[in-house]
């Protein structure tokens, strides 16, 4: 038996401590995002905790303790003599709402969201099955916020132009379906931009559909409607020219059935745009992906388990491009083009057609 390498022991202990520290610091980043503290700090010169709390409209004692985590975590700078704090501009580019899709504090919210179901996840590790959507507090709120941030930066200017001629067709008026629409962010954006086209949002979550409908009514969108139904049970004639699914297919209990439903719902010449997590189906090919630990954790504690809770396939968020291509071909898509776009490091964009590429 070989002796243990003391250097490796020390190095890994330091790595593990860093992971624990960072995990807890992520909770504080989430608090900073949700309370607006990062946004407030980004607008202020070096200031005391009292001044920061007053500007943010928050309790000073909590703000001061939060600042302690931020300073020792090397996120916020501190002048010990003046007892003032400030957020370096370079840090603000990754922590404020003004950063758009680059706002990592928004992603930190997943730590608290997933932490709420840790005990339930431990239980299904032991007995199998899954944890259903109902266990995830704030899930639809967080998904809507995350979707809105990315879609506002990319949907109209970068995503839709991936399909040649699509923007002109949307201008003229076509029928569009969004599968797994959640609170309808993408549908509302497209419906507002393309008033001659007709949009349908589909999701099995009744609360999300109610919110989507209410928001569309508030915006006066007469060309958008929302349907509460499981995508696997959706049927009808081929009546859509363009179908989208934004990070929705890998969560499905029956993804193969859903993809067939989508293919059958397309009119001749129609296009399916599937936006889904950019990973490989081969674990070893994800080692250099800086987001891989985040993605596999989210998959274990949400994406995979909500599918298994419905006796589903449990693809998980990291099903990968190779598996995605396999399922798309099985569903009848003869042409699949995959790309990534600036502003969305998480996703791959699959442009899928029933007819072979010309």
Protein backbone atom coordinates (compact mmCIF):
# COMPACT_ATOMS: atom_id res chain seq x y z
CA UNK A 1 0.00 0.00 0.00
CA UNK A 2 1.49 3.34 -1.06
CA UNK A 3 1.81 6.15 1.46
CA UNK A 4 -0.43 9.19 1.21
CA UNK A 5 0.90 12.28 -0.51
CA UNK A 6 0.93 14.99 2.18
CA UNK A 7 1.11 17.76 -0.43
CA UNK A 8 -2.01 16.50 -2.18
CA UNK A 9 -3.81 16.16 1.16
CA UNK A 10 -3.07 19.78 2.06
CA UNK A 11 -3.92 21.04 -1.42
CA UNK A 12 -7.27 19.30 -1.48
CA UNK A 13 -8.13 20.38 2.07
CA UNK A 14 -7.56 23.97 0.98
CA UNK A 15 -9.65 23.37 -2.14
CA UNK A 16 -12.50 21.87 -0.09
CA UNK A 17 -12.42 24.78 2.37
CA UNK A 18 -12.58 27.16 -0.56
CA UNK A 19 -15.62 25.33 -1.91
CA UNK A 20 -17.44 25.57 1.44
CA UNK A 21 -16.55 29.24 1.82
CA UNK A 22 -17.66 30.00 -1.72
CA UNK A 23 -20.90 28.08 -1.27
CA UNK A 24 -21.86 30.18 1.74
CA UNK A 25 -20.64 33.34 0.05
CA UNK A 26 -23.00 32.52 -2.83
CA UNK A 27 -25.90 32.88 -0.39
CA UNK A 28 -24.69 36.35 0.47
CA UNK A 29 -24.37 37.18 -3.24
CA UNK A 30 -27.98 36.09 -3.68
CA UNK A 31 -29.02 38.35 -0.79
CA UNK A 32 -27.09 41.21 -2.36
CA UNK A 33 -28.94 40.70 -5.62
CA UNK A 34 -32.42 40.29 -4.15
CA UNK A 35 -32.12 43.27 -1.82
CA UNK A 36 -30.61 45.47 -4.53
CA UNK A 37 -27.48 46.08 -2.47
CA UNK A 38 -25.10 45.46 -5.37
CA UNK A 39 -27.07 47.85 -7.57
CA UNK A 40 -27.04 50.48 -4.81
CA UNK A 41 -23.32 50.10 -4.10
CA UNK A 42 -22.51 50.46 -7.80
CA UNK A 43 -23.93 54.00 -7.74
CA UNK A 44 -22.20 55.17 -4.53
CA UNK A 45 -18.76 56.52 -3.63
CA UNK A 46 -17.02 54.95 -0.60
CA UNK A 47 -19.72 55.05 2.08
CA UNK A 48 -20.46 53.92 5.63
CA UNK A 49 -22.81 51.05 6.39
CA UNK A 50 -25.35 53.61 7.63
CA UNK A 51 -25.22 55.50 4.34
CA UNK A 52 -25.48 52.31 2.29
CA UNK A 53 -28.42 51.02 4.33
CA UNK A 54 -30.22 54.35 4.00
CA UNK A 55 -29.69 54.46 0.24
CA UNK A 56 -30.96 50.90 -0.15
CA UNK A 57 -33.83 51.34 2.32
CA UNK A 58 -32.61 48.44 4.45
CA UNK A 59 -31.80 47.67 8.08
CA UNK A 60 -28.27 48.88 8.91
CA UNK A 61 -27.31 46.02 11.25
CA UNK A 62 -28.03 43.40 8.60
CA UNK A 63 -26.31 45.47 5.92
CA UNK A 64 -23.21 45.79 8.11
CA UNK A 65 -22.97 42.05 8.70
CA UNK A 66 -23.53 41.35 4.99
CA UNK A 67 -20.75 43.80 4.20
CA UNK A 68 -18.50 41.78 6.51
CA UNK A 69 -19.02 38.74 4.30
CA UNK A 70 -18.47 40.83 1.17
CA UNK A 71 -15.22 42.37 2.43
CA UNK A 72 -13.70 39.13 3.73
CA UNK A 73 -14.85 37.41 0.56
CA UNK A 74 -12.89 40.01 -1.46
CA UNK A 75 -16.01 41.24 -3.26
CA UNK A 76 -16.38 44.69 -1.65
CA UNK A 77 -13.40 46.92 -0.73
CA UNK A 78 -13.06 48.51 2.71
CA UNK A 79 -11.20 51.46 4.23
CA UNK A 80 -10.63 50.56 7.91
CA UNK A 81 -9.81 54.12 8.99
CA UNK A 82 -12.83 55.76 7.39
CA UNK A 83 -15.00 52.65 7.85
CA UNK A 84 -16.27 53.02 4.33
CA UNK A 85 -17.17 50.39 1.76
CA UNK A 86 -17.30 50.46 -2.01
CA UNK A 87 -17.91 48.08 -4.89
CA UNK A 88 -15.08 48.21 -7.45
CA UNK A 89 -16.39 49.00 -10.93
CA UNK A 90 -14.73 45.86 -12.27
CA UNK A 91 -16.75 43.77 -9.78
CA UNK A 92 -19.97 45.61 -10.60
CA UNK A 93 -19.74 44.32 -14.19
CA UNK A 94 -20.48 40.82 -12.85
CA UNK A 95 -22.83 41.59 -9.95
CA UNK A 96 -25.44 44.16 -10.95
CA UNK A 97 -28.62 44.14 -12.98
CA UNK A 98 -26.95 46.56 -15.38
CA UNK A 99 -24.62 43.67 -16.32
CA UNK A 100 -27.53 41.83 -17.97
CA UNK A 101 -26.66 38.18 -18.74
CA UNK A 102 -23.22 38.69 -17.15
CA UNK A 103 -24.80 39.19 -13.70
CA UNK A 104 -23.50 36.22 -11.70
CA UNK A 105 -25.30 37.36 -8.54
CA UNK A 106 -28.54 36.41 -10.26
CA UNK A 107 -27.22 32.86 -10.73
CA UNK A 108 -26.30 32.71 -7.04
CA UNK A 109 -30.01 32.48 -6.25
CA UNK A 110 -29.90 28.84 -7.33
CA UNK A 111 -27.93 27.99 -4.19
CA UNK A 112 -30.76 28.92 -1.84
CA UNK A 113 -33.44 27.58 -4.19
CA UNK A 114 -31.81 24.14 -4.38
CA UNK A 115 -30.79 24.14 -0.72
CA UNK A 116 -34.49 24.07 0.19
CA UNK A 117 -34.86 20.59 -1.30
CA UNK A 118 -31.59 19.02 -0.08
CA UNK A 119 -33.30 16.72 2.44
CA UNK A 120 -35.83 15.60 -0.17
CA UNK A 121 -33.00 14.95 -2.64
CA UNK A 122 -31.09 12.89 -0.05
CA UNK A 123 -34.24 10.81 0.42
CA UNK A 124 -34.60 10.04 -3.29
CA UNK A 125 -30.91 9.12 -3.46
CA UNK A 126 -31.85 6.33 -1.04
CA UNK A 127 -35.23 5.24 -2.36
CA UNK A 128 -35.31 6.45 -5.97
CA UNK A 129 -38.04 8.51 -7.60
CA UNK A 130 -37.92 12.27 -7.76
CA UNK A 131 -38.81 15.62 -6.19
CA UNK A 132 -41.67 17.43 -7.91
CA UNK A 133 -41.96 21.06 -8.98
CA UNK A 134 -44.16 21.90 -5.99
CA UNK A 135 -41.18 21.53 -3.65
CA UNK A 136 -39.29 24.39 -5.30
CA UNK A 137 -40.25 27.74 -3.77
CA UNK A 138 -39.78 30.72 -6.13
CA UNK A 139 -38.97 28.40 -9.05
CA UNK A 140 -41.12 30.17 -11.64
CA UNK A 141 -40.09 33.61 -10.36
CA UNK A 142 -36.41 32.74 -10.72
CA UNK A 143 -36.88 31.12 -14.13
CA UNK A 144 -38.78 34.18 -15.36
CA UNK A 145 -36.07 36.53 -14.10
CA UNK A 146 -33.30 34.44 -15.61
CA UNK A 147 -35.14 34.07 -18.91
CA UNK A 148 -35.94 37.76 -19.11
CA UNK A 149 -32.31 38.75 -18.57
CA UNK A 150 -31.03 36.50 -21.36
CA UNK A 151 -33.93 37.02 -23.76
CA UNK A 152 -33.80 40.81 -23.52
CA UNK A 153 -30.16 40.68 -24.55
CA UNK A 154 -30.45 38.08 -27.28
CA UNK A 155 -33.90 37.04 -28.53
CA UNK A 156 -34.76 39.71 -31.09
CA UNK A 157 -31.26 40.67 -32.20
CA UNK A 158 -29.32 37.39 -32.13
CA UNK A 159 -31.58 34.38 -31.66
CA UNK A 160 -34.37 34.83 -34.20
CA UNK A 161 -31.92 35.85 -36.97
CA UNK A 162 -30.31 32.39 -36.63
CA UNK A 163 -33.11 31.16 -38.91
CA UNK A 164 -32.71 32.73 -42.38
CA UNK A 165 -35.79 34.70 -43.42
CA UNK A 166 -37.59 34.14 -40.10
CA UNK A 167 -37.74 37.78 -39.04
CA UNK A 168 -39.35 38.76 -42.36
CA UNK A 169 -41.90 35.95 -41.99
CA UNK A 170 -42.70 37.06 -38.45
CA UNK A 171 -43.17 40.60 -39.73
CA UNK A 172 -45.62 39.36 -42.37
CA UNK A 173 -47.52 37.13 -39.93
CA UNK A 174 -47.10 33.44 -39.02
CA UNK A 175 -48.25 31.06 -36.27
CA UNK A 176 -45.81 30.46 -33.42
CA UNK A 177 -45.84 28.03 -30.48
CA UNK A 178 -43.54 28.23 -27.43
CA UNK A 179 -43.33 24.90 -25.57
CA UNK A 180 -42.62 25.15 -21.85
CA UNK A 181 -43.29 28.88 -21.90
CA UNK A 182 -43.29 29.38 -18.12
CA UNK A 183 -44.51 32.89 -17.37
CA UNK A 184 -44.47 33.75 -21.07
CA UNK A 185 -41.50 36.10 -21.29
CA UNK A 186 -40.42 35.01 -24.78
CA UNK A 187 -43.98 34.93 -26.12
CA UNK A 188 -44.72 38.45 -24.89
CA UNK A 189 -41.50 39.82 -26.33
CA UNK A 190 -42.19 38.31 -29.75
CA UNK A 191 -45.88 39.21 -29.73
CA UNK A 192 -45.08 42.84 -29.01
CA UNK A 193 -42.38 43.00 -31.67
CA UNK A 194 -44.37 41.17 -34.36
CA UNK A 195 -48.03 42.23 -34.07
CA UNK A 196 -49.06 40.48 -37.33
CA UNK A 197 -47.98 37.04 -36.05
CA UNK A 198 -50.01 34.86 -33.70
CA UNK A 199 -48.42 33.30 -30.61
CA UNK A 200 -49.36 30.45 -28.28
CA UNK A 201 -47.52 29.66 -25.04
CA UNK A 202 -47.82 26.14 -23.63
CA UNK A 203 -46.93 25.00 -20.11
CA UNK A 204 -48.38 22.49 -17.66
CA UNK A 205 -47.85 24.84 -14.66
CA UNK A 206 -51.20 26.56 -14.12
CA UNK A 207 -49.76 29.31 -11.91
CA UNK A 208 -47.18 30.24 -14.54
CA UNK A 209 -49.84 30.30 -17.25
CA UNK A 210 -52.06 32.52 -15.10
CA UNK A 211 -49.17 34.98 -14.68
CA UNK A 212 -48.37 34.86 -18.40
CA UNK A 213 -52.00 35.57 -19.31
CA UNK A 214 -52.27 38.42 -16.83
CA UNK A 215 -49.06 40.05 -18.07
CA UNK A 216 -50.14 39.73 -21.70
CA UNK A 217 -53.50 41.31 -20.89
CA UNK A 218 -51.76 44.11 -19.02
CA UNK A 219 -49.59 44.76 -22.08
CA UNK A 220 -52.63 44.74 -24.37
CA UNK A 221 -51.32 41.85 -26.48
CA UNK A 222 -54.24 40.51 -28.48
CA UNK A 223 -52.02 38.22 -30.57
CA UNK A 224 -50.81 36.06 -27.66
CA UNK A 225 -52.61 33.38 -25.70
CA UNK A 226 -51.51 30.78 -23.17
CA UNK A 227 -52.60 27.20 -22.61
CA UNK A 228 -52.11 25.13 -19.45
CA UNK A 229 -51.37 21.64 -20.73
CA UNK A 230 -48.67 18.99 -20.65
CA UNK A 231 -46.74 19.28 -23.91
CA UNK A 232 -46.73 15.48 -24.26
CA UNK A 233 -50.53 15.55 -24.42
CA UNK A 234 -50.76 18.46 -26.86
CA UNK A 235 -52.21 17.43 -30.20
CA UNK A 236 -53.86 18.85 -33.26
CA UNK A 237 -53.29 19.48 -36.96
CA UNK A 238 -50.00 20.78 -38.28
CA UNK A 239 -50.77 24.44 -37.63
CA UNK A 240 -47.53 26.19 -36.64
CA UNK A 241 -44.81 27.72 -38.80
CA UNK A 242 -42.31 28.23 -35.99
CA UNK A 243 -41.99 26.44 -32.65
CA UNK A 244 -39.61 27.29 -29.82
CA UNK A 245 -38.54 25.58 -26.60
CA UNK A 246 -36.27 27.54 -24.29
CA UNK A 247 -34.47 25.23 -21.82
CA UNK A 248 -37.60 23.12 -21.58
CA UNK A 249 -37.01 19.79 -23.33
CA UNK A 250 -34.51 18.28 -20.88
CA UNK A 251 -37.00 18.74 -17.99
CA UNK A 252 -39.77 16.81 -19.72
CA UNK A 253 -41.00 13.50 -18.33
CA UNK A 254 -41.46 12.25 -21.89
CA UNK A 255 -39.02 14.24 -24.04
CA UNK A 256 -39.24 11.83 -27.00
CA UNK A 257 -43.00 12.18 -27.10
CA UNK A 258 -42.77 15.98 -26.78
CA UNK A 259 -40.32 16.23 -29.68
CA UNK A 260 -42.63 14.10 -31.85
CA UNK A 261 -45.56 16.34 -30.91
CA UNK A 262 -43.52 19.37 -31.95
CA UNK A 263 -42.52 17.81 -35.27
CA UNK A 264 -46.14 16.85 -36.00
CA UNK A 265 -47.37 20.36 -35.10
CA UNK A 266 -45.14 22.01 -37.72
CA UNK A 267 -46.49 22.95 -41.12
CA UNK A 268 -44.45 22.01 -44.20
CA UNK A 269 -41.35 24.21 -44.21
CA UNK A 270 -41.73 24.95 -40.53
CA UNK A 271 -38.80 25.34 -38.14
CA UNK A 272 -38.25 24.22 -34.56
CA UNK A 273 -35.77 26.24 -32.48
CA UNK A 274 -34.66 24.27 -29.43
CA UNK A 275 -32.55 26.20 -26.95
CA UNK A 276 -30.97 23.86 -24.40
CA UNK A 277 -27.94 23.47 -22.16
CA UNK A 278 -24.59 23.48 -23.99
CA UNK A 279 -22.81 20.33 -22.79
CA UNK A 280 -21.53 17.07 -24.23
CA UNK A 281 -23.21 13.74 -23.55
CA UNK A 282 -19.71 12.41 -22.81
CA UNK A 283 -18.67 13.38 -19.28
CA UNK A 284 -14.97 13.68 -20.08
CA UNK A 285 -15.68 16.34 -22.71
CA UNK A 286 -17.14 18.62 -20.03
CA UNK A 287 -14.03 18.79 -17.85
CA UNK A 288 -12.92 22.12 -19.31
CA UNK A 289 -16.40 23.67 -19.19
CA UNK A 290 -16.23 26.23 -16.34
CA UNK A 291 -20.01 25.93 -15.84
CA UNK A 292 -20.07 22.13 -15.63
CA UNK A 293 -20.12 21.78 -11.80
CA UNK A 294 -22.95 24.31 -11.63
CA UNK A 295 -24.89 22.53 -14.38
CA UNK A 296 -24.51 19.01 -12.97
CA UNK A 297 -25.60 20.27 -9.54
CA UNK A 298 -28.67 22.03 -10.90
CA UNK A 299 -29.45 18.92 -12.94
CA UNK A 300 -29.20 16.59 -9.93
CA UNK A 301 -31.25 18.80 -7.65
CA UNK A 302 -33.83 20.05 -10.14
CA UNK A 303 -33.90 19.13 -13.83
CA UNK A 304 -33.41 15.37 -13.51
CA UNK A 305 -35.43 14.95 -10.34
CA UNK A 306 -38.56 16.81 -11.53
CA UNK A 307 -38.65 14.49 -14.55
CA UNK A 308 -38.17 11.37 -12.41
CA UNK A 309 -40.91 12.61 -10.06
CA UNK A 310 -43.31 12.14 -13.00
CA UNK A 311 -41.90 8.66 -13.74
CA UNK A 312 -40.08 10.33 -16.60
CA UNK A 313 -36.88 9.66 -18.48
CA UNK A 314 -34.77 11.95 -16.28
CA UNK A 315 -32.54 13.28 -19.05
CA UNK A 316 -31.11 16.00 -16.84
CA UNK A 317 -29.70 19.36 -17.87
CA UNK A 318 -26.45 17.78 -19.08
CA UNK A 319 -28.00 15.37 -21.59
CA UNK A 320 -25.67 16.96 -24.15
CA UNK A 321 -25.55 17.66 -27.85
CA UNK A 322 -24.96 14.05 -28.91
CA UNK A 323 -28.08 12.79 -27.07
CA UNK A 324 -30.09 15.79 -28.25
CA UNK A 325 -29.23 15.05 -31.88
CA UNK A 326 -30.21 11.40 -31.36
CA UNK A 327 -33.64 12.31 -29.97
CA UNK A 328 -34.27 14.97 -32.62
CA UNK A 329 -33.48 12.49 -35.39
CA UNK A 330 -35.73 9.92 -33.74
CA UNK A 331 -38.55 12.49 -33.70
CA UNK A 332 -38.21 13.00 -37.45
CA UNK A 333 -36.01 16.07 -37.82
CA UNK A 334 -33.76 15.47 -40.81
CA UNK A 335 -31.76 18.69 -40.51
CA UNK A 336 -30.27 20.01 -37.25
CA UNK A 337 -27.86 22.95 -37.09
CA UNK A 338 -26.26 23.79 -33.74
CA UNK A 339 -24.66 27.07 -32.73
CA UNK A 340 -24.04 29.30 -29.72
CA UNK A 341 -24.62 33.03 -29.50
CA UNK A 342 -22.91 35.87 -27.69
CA UNK A 343 -24.65 36.76 -24.47
CA UNK A 344 -25.74 33.23 -23.58
CA UNK A 345 -22.89 31.00 -22.41
CA UNK A 346 -25.27 28.42 -20.96
CA UNK A 347 -27.10 27.28 -24.08
CA UNK A 348 -26.74 25.70 -27.47
CA UNK A 349 -29.19 26.73 -30.21
CA UNK A 350 -30.63 23.92 -32.35
CA UNK A 351 -32.34 24.95 -35.61
CA UNK A 352 -34.35 21.89 -36.63
CA UNK A 353 -36.24 21.13 -39.85
CA UNK A 354 -38.17 18.11 -41.04
CA UNK A 355 -36.75 18.55 -44.55
CA UNK A 356 -33.02 17.90 -45.17
CA UNK A 357 -30.81 20.99 -45.34
CA UNK A 358 -30.37 22.30 -48.87
